[in-house]
Amino acid sequence: MNESNTKFIKFFKALANEERLEIIKLLKKNTEMYAQDVEKHFYLEQSTTSHHLNTLKRAGITKSRKEGRNIYYSMDYENFQKTLKEFEGLVFDQP
């Protein structure tokens, strides 16, 4: 499997989860959020929240920044749009 396919699979698998989609909506609405605030919003266990946020980050959908001991998450709009454009080119460009 080539690297491009792996990237798309990881990206779309990350989106194929209802809780992660809700996290994306929440981050879009709030611009940036502390990981524990995301956890509290959904009443999720810390480990579950961490798993979802890391899955989104590894897929290039979100990004994080660390401030002291706190990690803040936000949407990575630039990478998100870039990945969608690359996928669109793969699917819709003429051979």
PDB file of N, CA and C in Angstrom:
ATOM      1  N   MET A   1       0.853  -1.176   0.000  1.00  0.00           N
ATOM      2  CA  MET A   1       0.000   0.000   0.000  1.00  0.00           C
ATOM      3  C   MET A   1       0.897   1.237   0.000  1.00  0.00           C
ATOM      4  N   ASN A   2       0.569   2.187  -0.877  1.00  0.00           N
ATOM      5  CA  ASN A   2       1.426   3.363  -0.939  1.00  0.00           C
ATOM      6  C   ASN A   2       1.093   4.369   0.161  1.00  0.00           C
ATOM      7  N   GLU A   3       2.010   5.297   0.374  1.00  0.00           N
ATOM      8  CA  GLU A   3       1.907   6.271   1.466  1.00  0.00           C
ATOM      9  C   GLU A   3       0.661   7.143   1.356  1.00  0.00           C
ATOM     10  N   SER A   4       0.297   7.514   0.133  1.00  0.00           N
ATOM     11  CA  SER A   4      -0.891   8.341  -0.086  1.00  0.00           C
ATOM     12  C   SER A   4      -2.162   7.619   0.361  1.00  0.00           C
ATOM     13  N   ASN A   5      -2.260   6.348   0.000  1.00  0.00           N
ATOM     14  CA  ASN A   5      -3.437   5.566   0.410  1.00  0.00           C
ATOM     15  C   ASN A   5      -3.510   5.453   1.931  1.00  0.00           C
ATOM     16  N   THR A   6      -2.385   5.214   2.561  1.00  0.00           N
ATOM     17  CA  THR A   6      -2.339   5.106   4.017  1.00  0.00           C
ATOM     18  C   THR A   6      -2.814   6.393   4.670  1.00  0.00           C
ATOM     19  N   LYS A   7      -2.393   7.518   4.120  1.00  0.00           N
ATOM     20  CA  LYS A   7      -2.802   8.827   4.645  1.00  0.00           C
ATOM     21  C   LYS A   7      -4.318   8.993   4.552  1.00  0.00           C
ATOM     22  N   PHE A   8      -4.902   8.648   3.417  1.00  0.00           N
ATOM     23  CA  PHE A   8      -6.349   8.794   3.237  1.00  0.00           C
ATOM     24  C   PHE A   8      -7.122   7.833   4.138  1.00  0.00           C
ATOM     25  N   ILE A   9      -6.632   6.621   4.279  1.00  0.00           N
ATOM     26  CA  ILE A   9      -7.300   5.640   5.138  1.00  0.00           C
ATOM     27  C   ILE A   9      -7.307   6.130   6.580  1.00  0.00           C
ATOM     28  N   LYS A  10      -6.166   6.613   7.052  1.00  0.00           N
ATOM     29  CA  LYS A  10      -6.068   7.131   8.413  1.00  0.00           C
ATOM     30  C   LYS A  10      -7.005   8.331   8.606  1.00  0.00           C
ATOM     31  N   PHE A  11      -7.042   9.208   7.619  1.00  0.00           N
ATOM     32  CA  PHE A  11      -7.868  10.411   7.667  1.00  0.00           C
ATOM     33  C   PHE A  11      -9.356  10.058   7.757  1.00  0.00           C
ATOM     34  N   PHE A  12      -9.815   9.206   6.855  1.00  0.00           N
ATOM     35  CA  PHE A  12     -11.244   8.884   6.833  1.00  0.00           C
ATOM     36  C   PHE A  12     -11.665   7.962   7.974  1.00  0.00           C
ATOM     37  N   LYS A  13     -10.765   7.101   8.434  1.00  0.00           N
ATOM     38  CA  LYS A  13     -11.081   6.287   9.611  1.00  0.00           C
ATOM     39  C   LYS A  13     -11.261   7.176  10.839  1.00  0.00           C
ATOM     40  N   ALA A  14     -10.442   8.213  10.946  1.00  0.00           N
ATOM     41  CA  ALA A  14     -10.568   9.132  12.077  1.00  0.00           C
ATOM     42  C   ALA A  14     -11.914   9.848  12.051  1.00  0.00           C
ATOM     43  N   LEU A  15     -12.413  10.131  10.861  1.00  0.00           N
ATOM     44  CA  LEU A  15     -13.700  10.811  10.730  1.00  0.00           C
ATOM     45  C   LEU A  15     -14.882   9.859  10.912  1.00  0.00           C
ATOM     46  N   ALA A  16     -14.644   8.578  10.826  1.00  0.00           N
ATOM     47  CA  ALA A  16     -15.721   7.586  10.859  1.00  0.00           C
ATOM     48  C   ALA A  16     -16.069   7.162  12.284  1.00  0.00           C
ATOM     49  N   ASN A  17     -16.222   8.153  13.149  1.00  0.00           N
ATOM     50  CA  ASN A  17     -16.563   7.889  14.539  1.00  0.00           C
ATOM     51  C   ASN A  17     -17.409   9.049  15.046  1.00  0.00           C
ATOM     52  N   GLU A  18     -18.562   8.742  15.597  1.00  0.00           N
ATOM     53  CA  GLU A  18     -19.495   9.784  16.020  1.00  0.00           C
ATOM     54  C   GLU A  18     -18.915  10.706  17.095  1.00  0.00           C
ATOM     55  N   GLU A  19     -18.211  10.152  18.061  1.00  0.00           N
ATOM     56  CA  GLU A  19     -17.629  10.992  19.119  1.00  0.00           C
ATOM     57  C   GLU A  19     -16.567  11.925  18.562  1.00  0.00           C
ATOM     58  N   ARG A  20     -15.752  11.424  17.630  1.00  0.00           N
ATOM     59  CA  ARG A  20     -14.724  12.291  17.037  1.00  0.00           C
ATOM     60  C   ARG A  20     -15.353  13.385  16.179  1.00  0.00           C
ATOM     61  N   LEU A  21     -16.441  13.067  15.480  1.00  0.00           N
ATOM     62  CA  LEU A  21     -17.130  14.108  14.715  1.00  0.00           C
ATOM     63  C   LEU A  21     -17.675  15.190  15.642  1.00  0.00           C
ATOM     64  N   GLU A  22     -18.178  14.786  16.801  1.00  0.00           N
ATOM     65  CA  GLU A  22     -18.679  15.765  17.769  1.00  0.00           C
ATOM     66  C   GLU A  22     -17.533  16.607  18.341  1.00  0.00           C
ATOM     67  N   ILE A  23     -16.384  15.992  18.539  1.00  0.00           N
ATOM     68  CA  ILE A  23     -15.214  16.742  19.001  1.00  0.00           C
ATOM     69  C   ILE A  23     -14.809  17.773  17.958  1.00  0.00           C
ATOM     70  N   ILE A  24     -14.841  17.405  16.692  1.00  0.00           N
ATOM     71  CA  ILE A  24     -14.513  18.340  15.604  1.00  0.00           C
ATOM     72  C   ILE A  24     -15.477  19.524  15.628  1.00  0.00           C
ATOM     73  N   LYS A  25     -16.759  19.245  15.763  1.00  0.00           N
ATOM     74  CA  LYS A  25     -17.753  20.329  15.822  1.00  0.00           C
ATOM     75  C   LYS A  25     -17.489  21.245  17.014  1.00  0.00           C
ATOM     76  N   LEU A  26     -17.144  20.656  18.138  1.00  0.00           N
ATOM     77  CA  LEU A  26     -16.869  21.434  19.344  1.00  0.00           C
ATOM     78  C   LEU A  26     -15.632  22.308  19.153  1.00  0.00           C
ATOM     79  N   LEU A  27     -14.582  21.758  18.559  1.00  0.00           N
ATOM     80  CA  LEU A  27     -13.367  22.539  18.316  1.00  0.00           C
ATOM     81  C   LEU A  27     -13.616  23.658  17.307  1.00  0.00           C
ATOM     82  N   LYS A  28     -14.438  23.385  16.320  1.00  0.00           N
ATOM     83  CA  LYS A  28     -14.781  24.420  15.339  1.00  0.00           C
ATOM     84  C   LYS A  28     -15.501  25.575  16.034  1.00  0.00           C
ATOM     85  N   LYS A  29     -16.423  25.245  16.913  1.00  0.00           N
ATOM     86  CA  LYS A  29     -17.210  26.251  17.622  1.00  0.00           C
ATOM     87  C   LYS A  29     -16.354  27.066  18.599  1.00  0.00           C
ATOM     88  N   ASN A  30     -15.404  26.410  19.264  1.00  0.00           N
ATOM     89  CA  ASN A  30     -14.623  27.058  20.318  1.00  0.00           C
ATOM     90  C   ASN A  30     -13.206  27.440  19.912  1.00  0.00           C
ATOM     91  N   THR A  31     -12.828  27.229  18.703  1.00  0.00           N
ATOM     92  CA  THR A  31     -11.512  27.546  18.155  1.00  0.00           C
ATOM     93  C   THR A  31     -10.393  26.702  18.758  1.00  0.00           C
ATOM     94  N   GLU A  32     -10.250  26.736  20.083  1.00  0.00           N
ATOM     95  CA  GLU A  32      -9.200  25.977  20.750  1.00  0.00           C
ATOM     96  C   GLU A  32      -9.726  25.563  22.124  1.00  0.00           C
ATOM     97  N   MET A  33      -9.390  24.338  22.523  1.00  0.00           N
ATOM     98  CA  MET A  33      -9.872  23.859  23.815  1.00  0.00           C
ATOM     99  C   MET A  33      -8.805  23.055  24.540  1.00  0.00           C
ATOM    100  N   TYR A  34      -8.813  23.206  25.836  1.00  0.00           N
ATOM    101  CA  TYR A  34      -7.988  22.413  26.738  1.00  0.00           C
ATOM    102  C   TYR A  34      -8.549  20.991  26.718  1.00  0.00           C
ATOM    103  N   ALA A  35      -7.687  19.997  26.679  1.00  0.00           N
ATOM    104  CA  ALA A  35      -8.124  18.601  26.567  1.00  0.00           C
ATOM    105  C   ALA A  35      -9.141  18.223  27.641  1.00  0.00           C
ATOM    106  N   GLN A  36      -8.946  18.692  28.860  1.00  0.00           N
ATOM    107  CA  GLN A  36      -9.891  18.346  29.931  1.00  0.00           C
ATOM    108  C   GLN A  36     -11.262  18.979  29.718  1.00  0.00           C
ATOM    109  N   ASP A  37     -11.326  20.120  29.037  1.00  0.00           N
ATOM    110  CA  ASP A  37     -12.627  20.719  28.735  1.00  0.00           C
ATOM    111  C   ASP A  37     -13.395  19.879  27.725  1.00  0.00           C
ATOM    112  N   VAL A  38     -12.676  19.294  26.779  1.00  0.00           N
ATOM    113  CA  VAL A  38     -13.309  18.384  25.825  1.00  0.00           C
ATOM    114  C   VAL A  38     -13.860  17.177  26.588  1.00  0.00           C
ATOM    115  N   GLU A  39     -13.058  16.650  27.472  1.00  0.00           N
ATOM    116  CA  GLU A  39     -13.451  15.495  28.285  1.00  0.00           C
ATOM    117  C   GLU A  39     -14.725  15.793  29.071  1.00  0.00           C
ATOM    118  N   LYS A  40     -14.785  16.930  29.713  1.00  0.00           N
ATOM    119  CA  LYS A  40     -15.947  17.303  30.524  1.00  0.00           C
ATOM    120  C   LYS A  40     -17.194  17.509  29.667  1.00  0.00           C
ATOM    121  N   HIS A  41     -17.006  18.047  28.487  1.00  0.00           N
ATOM    122  CA  HIS A  41     -18.144  18.323  27.608  1.00  0.00           C
ATOM    123  C   HIS A  41     -18.879  17.041  27.209  1.00  0.00           C
ATOM    124  N   PHE A  42     -18.136  15.981  27.030  1.00  0.00           N
ATOM    125  CA  PHE A  42     -18.729  14.727  26.567  1.00  0.00           C
ATOM    126  C   PHE A  42     -18.872  13.674  27.669  1.00  0.00           C
ATOM    127  N   TYR A  43     -18.441  14.006  28.856  1.00  0.00           N
ATOM    128  CA  TYR A  43     -18.495  13.058  29.969  1.00  0.00           C
ATOM    129  C   TYR A  43     -17.766  11.764  29.608  1.00  0.00           C
ATOM    130  N   LEU A  44     -16.620  11.926  28.962  1.00  0.00           N
ATOM    131  CA  LEU A  44     -15.811  10.779  28.573  1.00  0.00           C
ATOM    132  C   LEU A  44     -14.701  10.551  29.599  1.00  0.00           C
ATOM    133  N   GLU A  45     -14.233   9.340  29.662  1.00  0.00           N
ATOM    134  CA  GLU A  45     -13.063   9.047  30.483  1.00  0.00           C
ATOM    135  C   GLU A  45     -11.856   9.770  29.879  1.00  0.00           C
ATOM    136  N   GLN A  46     -10.905  10.084  30.712  1.00  0.00           N
ATOM    137  CA  GLN A  46      -9.705  10.784  30.246  1.00  0.00           C
ATOM    138  C   GLN A  46      -9.000   9.975  29.162  1.00  0.00           C
ATOM    139  N   SER A  47      -8.905   8.677  29.349  1.00  0.00           N
ATOM    140  CA  SER A  47      -8.201   7.834  28.370  1.00  0.00           C
ATOM    141  C   SER A  47      -8.928   7.804  27.025  1.00  0.00           C
ATOM    142  N   THR A  48     -10.258   7.810  27.059  1.00  0.00           N
ATOM    143  CA  THR A  48     -11.051   7.799  25.824  1.00  0.00           C
ATOM    144  C   THR A  48     -10.887   9.125  25.090  1.00  0.00           C
ATOM    145  N   THR A  49     -10.961  10.226  25.834  1.00  0.00           N
ATOM    146  CA  THR A  49     -10.783  11.548  25.233  1.00  0.00           C
ATOM    147  C   THR A  49      -9.400  11.659  24.614  1.00  0.00           C
ATOM    148  N   SER A  50      -8.396  11.236  25.346  1.00  0.00           N
ATOM    149  CA  SER A  50      -7.025  11.282  24.860  1.00  0.00           C
ATOM    150  C   SER A  50      -6.866  10.464  23.577  1.00  0.00           C
ATOM    151  N   HIS A  51      -7.468   9.286  23.552  1.00  0.00           N
ATOM    152  CA  HIS A  51      -7.418   8.433  22.365  1.00  0.00           C
ATOM    153  C   HIS A  51      -8.042   9.147  21.153  1.00  0.00           C
ATOM    154  N   HIS A  52      -9.230   9.719  21.342  1.00  0.00           N
ATOM    155  CA  HIS A  52      -9.906  10.415  20.237  1.00  0.00           C
ATOM    156  C   HIS A  52      -9.092  11.613  19.750  1.00  0.00           C
ATOM    157  N   LEU A  53      -8.601  12.424  20.686  1.00  0.00           N
ATOM    158  CA  LEU A  53      -7.826  13.607  20.295  1.00  0.00           C
ATOM    159  C   LEU A  53      -6.534  13.219  19.583  1.00  0.00           C
ATOM    160  N   ASN A  54      -5.880  12.177  20.048  1.00  0.00           N
ATOM    161  CA  ASN A  54      -4.650  11.725  19.393  1.00  0.00           C
ATOM    162  C   ASN A  54      -4.922  11.115  18.026  1.00  0.00           C
ATOM    163  N   THR A  55      -6.029  10.410  17.879  1.00  0.00           N
ATOM    164  CA  THR A  55      -6.404   9.852  16.576  1.00  0.00           C
ATOM    165  C   THR A  55      -6.634  10.982  15.576  1.00  0.00           C
ATOM    166  N   LEU A  56      -7.344  12.016  15.996  1.00  0.00           N
ATOM    167  CA  LEU A  56      -7.594  13.171  15.125  1.00  0.00           C
ATOM    168  C   LEU A  56      -6.298  13.888  14.784  1.00  0.00           C
ATOM    169  N   LYS A  57      -5.416  13.997  15.742  1.00  0.00           N
ATOM    170  CA  LYS A  57      -4.132  14.667  15.507  1.00  0.00           C
ATOM    171  C   LYS A  57      -3.263  13.865  14.533  1.00  0.00           C
ATOM    172  N   ARG A  58      -3.157  12.556  14.756  1.00  0.00           N
ATOM    173  CA  ARG A  58      -2.345  11.712  13.860  1.00  0.00           C
ATOM    174  C   ARG A  58      -2.880  11.726  12.429  1.00  0.00           C
ATOM    175  N   ALA A  59      -4.174  11.924  12.282  1.00  0.00           N
ATOM    176  CA  ALA A  59      -4.778  11.967  10.950  1.00  0.00           C
ATOM    177  C   ALA A  59      -4.639  13.348  10.308  1.00  0.00           C
ATOM    178  N   GLY A  60      -4.108  14.318  11.054  1.00  0.00           N
ATOM    179  CA  GLY A  60      -3.920  15.657  10.516  1.00  0.00           C
ATOM    180  C   GLY A  60      -5.178  16.503  10.538  1.00  0.00           C
ATOM    181  N   ILE A  61      -6.149  16.120  11.333  1.00  0.00           N
ATOM    182  CA  ILE A  61      -7.413  16.848  11.406  1.00  0.00           C
ATOM    183  C   ILE A  61      -7.352  17.926  12.485  1.00  0.00           C
ATOM    184  N   THR A  62      -6.635  17.634  13.556  1.00  0.00           N
ATOM    185  CA  THR A  62      -6.449  18.618  14.618  1.00  0.00           C
ATOM    186  C   THR A  62      -4.958  18.823  14.839  1.00  0.00           C
ATOM    187  N   LYS A  63      -4.650  19.833  15.603  1.00  0.00           N
ATOM    188  CA  LYS A  63      -3.266  20.088  16.020  1.00  0.00           C
ATOM    189  C   LYS A  63      -3.307  20.452  17.493  1.00  0.00           C
ATOM    190  N   SER A  64      -2.158  20.418  18.123  1.00  0.00           N
ATOM    191  CA  SER A  64      -2.115  20.730  19.545  1.00  0.00           C
ATOM    192  C   SER A  64      -0.937  21.636  19.840  1.00  0.00           C
ATOM    193  N   ARG A  65      -1.049  22.288  20.983  1.00  0.00           N
ATOM    194  CA  ARG A  65       0.069  23.076  21.489  1.00  0.00           C
ATOM    195  C   ARG A  65       0.098  22.864  22.997  1.00  0.00           C
ATOM    196  N   LYS A  66       1.293  22.860  23.524  1.00  0.00           N
ATOM    197  CA  LYS A  66       1.456  22.623  24.950  1.00  0.00           C
ATOM    198  C   LYS A  66       1.807  23.935  25.628  1.00  0.00           C
ATOM    199  N   GLU A  67       1.145  24.185  26.729  1.00  0.00           N
ATOM    200  CA  GLU A  67       1.425  25.366  27.538  1.00  0.00           C
ATOM    201  C   GLU A  67       1.563  24.886  28.972  1.00  0.00           C
ATOM    202  N   GLY A  68       2.786  24.798  29.447  1.00  0.00           N
ATOM    203  CA  GLY A  68       3.022  24.209  30.760  1.00  0.00           C
ATOM    204  C   GLY A  68       2.658  22.734  30.721  1.00  0.00           C
ATOM    205  N   ARG A  69       1.768  22.340  31.612  1.00  0.00           N
ATOM    206  CA  ARG A  69       1.319  20.945  31.643  1.00  0.00           C
ATOM    207  C   ARG A  69       0.037  20.742  30.845  1.00  0.00           C
ATOM    208  N   ASN A  70      -0.502  21.807  30.310  1.00  0.00           N
ATOM    209  CA  ASN A  70      -1.780  21.747  29.594  1.00  0.00           C
ATOM    210  C   ASN A  70      -1.571  21.589  28.096  1.00  0.00           C
ATOM    211  N   ILE A  71      -2.430  20.788  27.485  1.00  0.00           N
ATOM    212  CA  ILE A  71      -2.406  20.614  26.032  1.00  0.00           C
ATOM    213  C   ILE A  71      -3.709  21.173  25.476  1.00  0.00           C
ATOM    214  N   TYR A  72      -3.571  22.054  24.501  1.00  0.00           N
ATOM    215  CA  TYR A  72      -4.721  22.687  23.856  1.00  0.00           C
ATOM    216  C   TYR A  72      -4.838  22.160  22.429  1.00  0.00           C
ATOM    217  N   TYR A  73      -6.058  21.863  22.034  1.00  0.00           N
ATOM    218  CA  TYR A  73      -6.329  21.320  20.702  1.00  0.00           C
ATOM    219  C   TYR A  73      -7.149  22.295  19.888  1.00  0.00           C
ATOM    220  N   SER A  74      -6.899  22.289  18.592  1.00  0.00           N
ATOM    221  CA  SER A  74      -7.673  23.101  17.651  1.00  0.00           C
ATOM    222  C   SER A  74      -7.696  22.374  16.313  1.00  0.00           C
ATOM    223  N   MET A  75      -8.556  22.830  15.436  1.00  0.00           N
ATOM    224  CA  MET A  75      -8.631  22.240  14.102  1.00  0.00           C
ATOM    225  C   MET A  75      -7.395  22.624  13.295  1.00  0.00           C
ATOM    226  N   ASP A  76      -6.911  21.713  12.489  1.00  0.00           N
ATOM    227  CA  ASP A  76      -5.827  22.008  11.560  1.00  0.00           C
ATOM    228  C   ASP A  76      -6.461  22.181  10.183  1.00  0.00           C
ATOM    229  N   TYR A  77      -7.096  23.336  10.011  1.00  0.00           N
ATOM    230  CA  TYR A  77      -7.861  23.589   8.786  1.00  0.00           C
ATOM    231  C   TYR A  77      -6.999  23.477   7.535  1.00  0.00           C
ATOM    232  N   GLU A  78      -5.775  23.968   7.607  1.00  0.00           N
ATOM    233  CA  GLU A  78      -4.903  23.939   6.434  1.00  0.00           C
ATOM    234  C   GLU A  78      -4.639  22.501   5.978  1.00  0.00           C
ATOM    235  N   ASN A  79      -4.270  21.642   6.901  1.00  0.00           N
ATOM    236  CA  ASN A  79      -3.995  20.251   6.539  1.00  0.00           C
ATOM    237  C   ASN A  79      -5.272  19.508   6.148  1.00  0.00           C
ATOM    238  N   PHE A  80      -6.375  19.803   6.843  1.00  0.00           N
ATOM    239  CA  PHE A  80      -7.654  19.183   6.541  1.00  0.00           C
ATOM    240  C   PHE A  80      -8.048  19.467   5.086  1.00  0.00           C
ATOM    241  N   GLN A  81      -7.988  20.727   4.707  1.00  0.00           N
ATOM    242  CA  GLN A  81      -8.351  21.113   3.341  1.00  0.00           C
ATOM    243  C   GLN A  81      -7.376  20.543   2.318  1.00  0.00           C
ATOM    244  N   LYS A  82      -6.101  20.518   2.662  1.00  0.00           N
ATOM    245  CA  LYS A  82      -5.087  19.964   1.759  1.00  0.00           C
ATOM    246  C   LYS A  82      -5.356  18.483   1.489  1.00  0.00           C
ATOM    247  N   THR A  83      -5.671  17.739   2.545  1.00  0.00           N
ATOM    248  CA  THR A  83      -5.941  16.306   2.393  1.00  0.00           C
ATOM    249  C   THR A  83      -7.192  16.074   1.536  1.00  0.00           C
ATOM    250  N   LEU A  84      -8.233  16.859   1.777  1.00  0.00           N
ATOM    251  CA  LEU A  84      -9.451  16.721   0.963  1.00  0.00           C
ATOM    252  C   LEU A  84      -9.186  17.049  -0.495  1.00  0.00           C
ATOM    253  N   LYS A  85      -8.380  18.079  -0.763  1.00  0.00           N
ATOM    254  CA  LYS A  85      -8.049  18.434  -2.154  1.00  0.00           C
ATOM    255  C   LYS A  85      -7.245  17.327  -2.822  1.00  0.00           C
ATOM    256  N   GLU A  86      -6.299  16.749  -2.098  1.00  0.00           N
ATOM    257  CA  GLU A  86      -5.505  15.646  -2.649  1.00  0.00           C
ATOM    258  C   GLU A  86      -6.402  14.454  -2.964  1.00  0.00           C
ATOM    259  N   PHE A  87      -7.341  14.169  -2.075  1.00  0.00           N
ATOM    260  CA  PHE A  87      -8.256  13.051  -2.306  1.00  0.00           C
ATOM    261  C   PHE A  87      -9.159  13.355  -3.496  1.00  0.00           C
ATOM    262  N   GLU A  88      -9.621  14.573  -3.578  1.00  0.00           N
ATOM    263  CA  GLU A  88     -10.466  14.979  -4.709  1.00  0.00           C
ATOM    264  C   GLU A  88      -9.703  14.800  -6.018  1.00  0.00           C
ATOM    265  N   GLY A  89      -8.434  15.184  -6.027  1.00  0.00           N
ATOM    266  CA  GLY A  89      -7.603  15.002  -7.218  1.00  0.00           C
ATOM    267  C   GLY A  89      -7.440  13.541  -7.582  1.00  0.00           C
ATOM    268  N   LEU A  90      -7.295  12.711  -6.587  1.00  0.00           N
ATOM    269  CA  LEU A  90      -7.150  11.273  -6.810  1.00  0.00           C
ATOM    270  C   LEU A  90      -8.420  10.686  -7.436  1.00  0.00           C
ATOM    271  N   VAL A  91      -9.563  11.127  -6.951  1.00  0.00           N
ATOM    272  CA  VAL A  91     -10.838  10.556  -7.374  1.00  0.00           C
ATOM    273  C   VAL A  91     -11.334  11.167  -8.679  1.00  0.00           C
ATOM    274  N   PHE A  92     -11.197  12.470  -8.846  1.00  0.00           N
ATOM    275  CA  PHE A  92     -11.849  13.164  -9.957  1.00  0.00           C
ATOM    276  C   PHE A  92     -10.947  13.530 -11.120  1.00  0.00           C
ATOM    277  N   ASP A  93      -9.627  13.526 -10.937  1.00  0.00           N
ATOM    278  CA  ASP A  93      -8.752  13.844 -12.063  1.00  0.00           C
ATOM    279  C   ASP A  93      -8.836  12.740 -13.094  1.00  0.00           C
ATOM    280  N   GLN A  94      -8.716  13.147 -14.326  1.00  0.00           N
ATOM    281  CA  GLN A  94      -8.725  12.193 -15.422  1.00  0.00           C
ATOM    282  C   GLN A  94      -7.433  11.387 -15.421  1.00  0.00           C
ATOM    283  N   PRO A  95      -7.504  10.115 -15.770  1.00  0.00           N
ATOM    284  CA  PRO A  95      -6.289   9.262 -15.796  1.00  0.00           C
ATOM    285  C   PRO A  95      -5.306   9.705 -16.862  1.00  0.00           C
TER     286      PRO A  95
END
